Amino acid sequence: MNRLLRRTAIGFALGILLYVAASVWFGVDELEGALAAFDWRMLAAALGLSSVNYLLRFWKWELCLGWLDVRGHGREDAPGLSRSRSLQIYLAGLTMSVTPGKVGEVLRSLLLQASDRVPFARTAPIVVADRLTDLVALVVLSLVGITDYAEYLPWVLATLGLVVIGVIVLGTPRLSHALLGLLAKIPLIGRPFLKAGAMVDSAARLVALGPLLVLSVISVAGWSMECVGYWLILHGFAGVDASLALCTFLWATTTLIGALSFLPGGLGATEASLGVLVGRLAVGVTQPIALASTLLIRGATLWWGEVVGAAALGLFMRDPKIRERARAAPAPDPDALDPGP
């Protein structure tokens, strides 16, 4: 767990350096001027929409726990998982949003193991299902207006291809086990795959057609909240004219670019692509406004999640026994994937 938290701290530091460098490069005075004229009520609304998104995503988490028969798993020394503790665990995972591909969100599985003795391998595939259905949602939202900006279609098709491959592999346990067997034979990097088979059955249950469809619909609703938030932020600047359809296309497509870059939280890739595209496609967006709006929407989404996650993690760790078990939990490795008794 400590290793995951260190990676988050590194991602946070990289984010600060990136934003400071961008501000200096494009001009601090110009950026301050754009922010001075901004209607800050729009940022408050965007934060509220992001919070609604987190609750929708928590719904996905709860559905996955139900499909994996996790609730009621508790023993005498760890009572059944309550909704409030489940919410704390889910929100605490938001602190891992600045890890590559958000894979650090397996922190939730470590915390659930520490609090309720639920084996790590049983719930870790939830992260995979979450990422796949997020990509489905972003592909769907990116298709809004894609006919007008066909040059970005390859990003959407590449993502769709990855999703299809992932669903086929994870939804076919025999294929998954065969692939893991081949990967385990590769020198130097094969060891982590030796016990990863313990996760295959859980993953297959989550990427079956029914669960996949339900999770994808919720993901579309959640990501739509952020698209509306971006639209509001852009209209917090005087003279800007950008339709909701354009904002949906911009936010979904640039988030896809960030996801495919596999950089921590898409840092750099999402900001650069969004800043360039909004200045090119939206009316009335100057370079300072492009930078300011990009920083604000990332603050209202990625970094707001970090704040909410840190608060939830602090609340969760108040229990001394849970805190001790969670701190002692290692970062995921082959042994951690053992499903246990």
Foldseek 3Di string as FASTA:
>chain_A
DVVLLVLLVVLVVVLVVLLVVVCVVVDVVLLVVQVVLFDCVLLVLLLVLLVVLLVLVLVLLVVLCVLLVQAQLADPQAGGDDPVLSSLLSLLLLSQLQAQLSLSSLLSLLLCCLRGVQASLSRSLSSVLLSLLLLVLLLVLLVLCCVVVVVLVVLSVVSVVVSVVSLVCLLDLVNVVVVLVVQLPDPPRNQQSPQNSLNSVSNNSCSPPVNSVVSNVSSNVSVLSLLVSLVSRLVSGPFKDDDSSRSSNLQSSLQSQLNVVSGRSSPPSSLVSQLVVCCVPIGPQDSSNSNNSSVSSCCSHSVSSSVSSVVSVVVSCPPPSSVVSSVPDDDDGNVSNPSDD
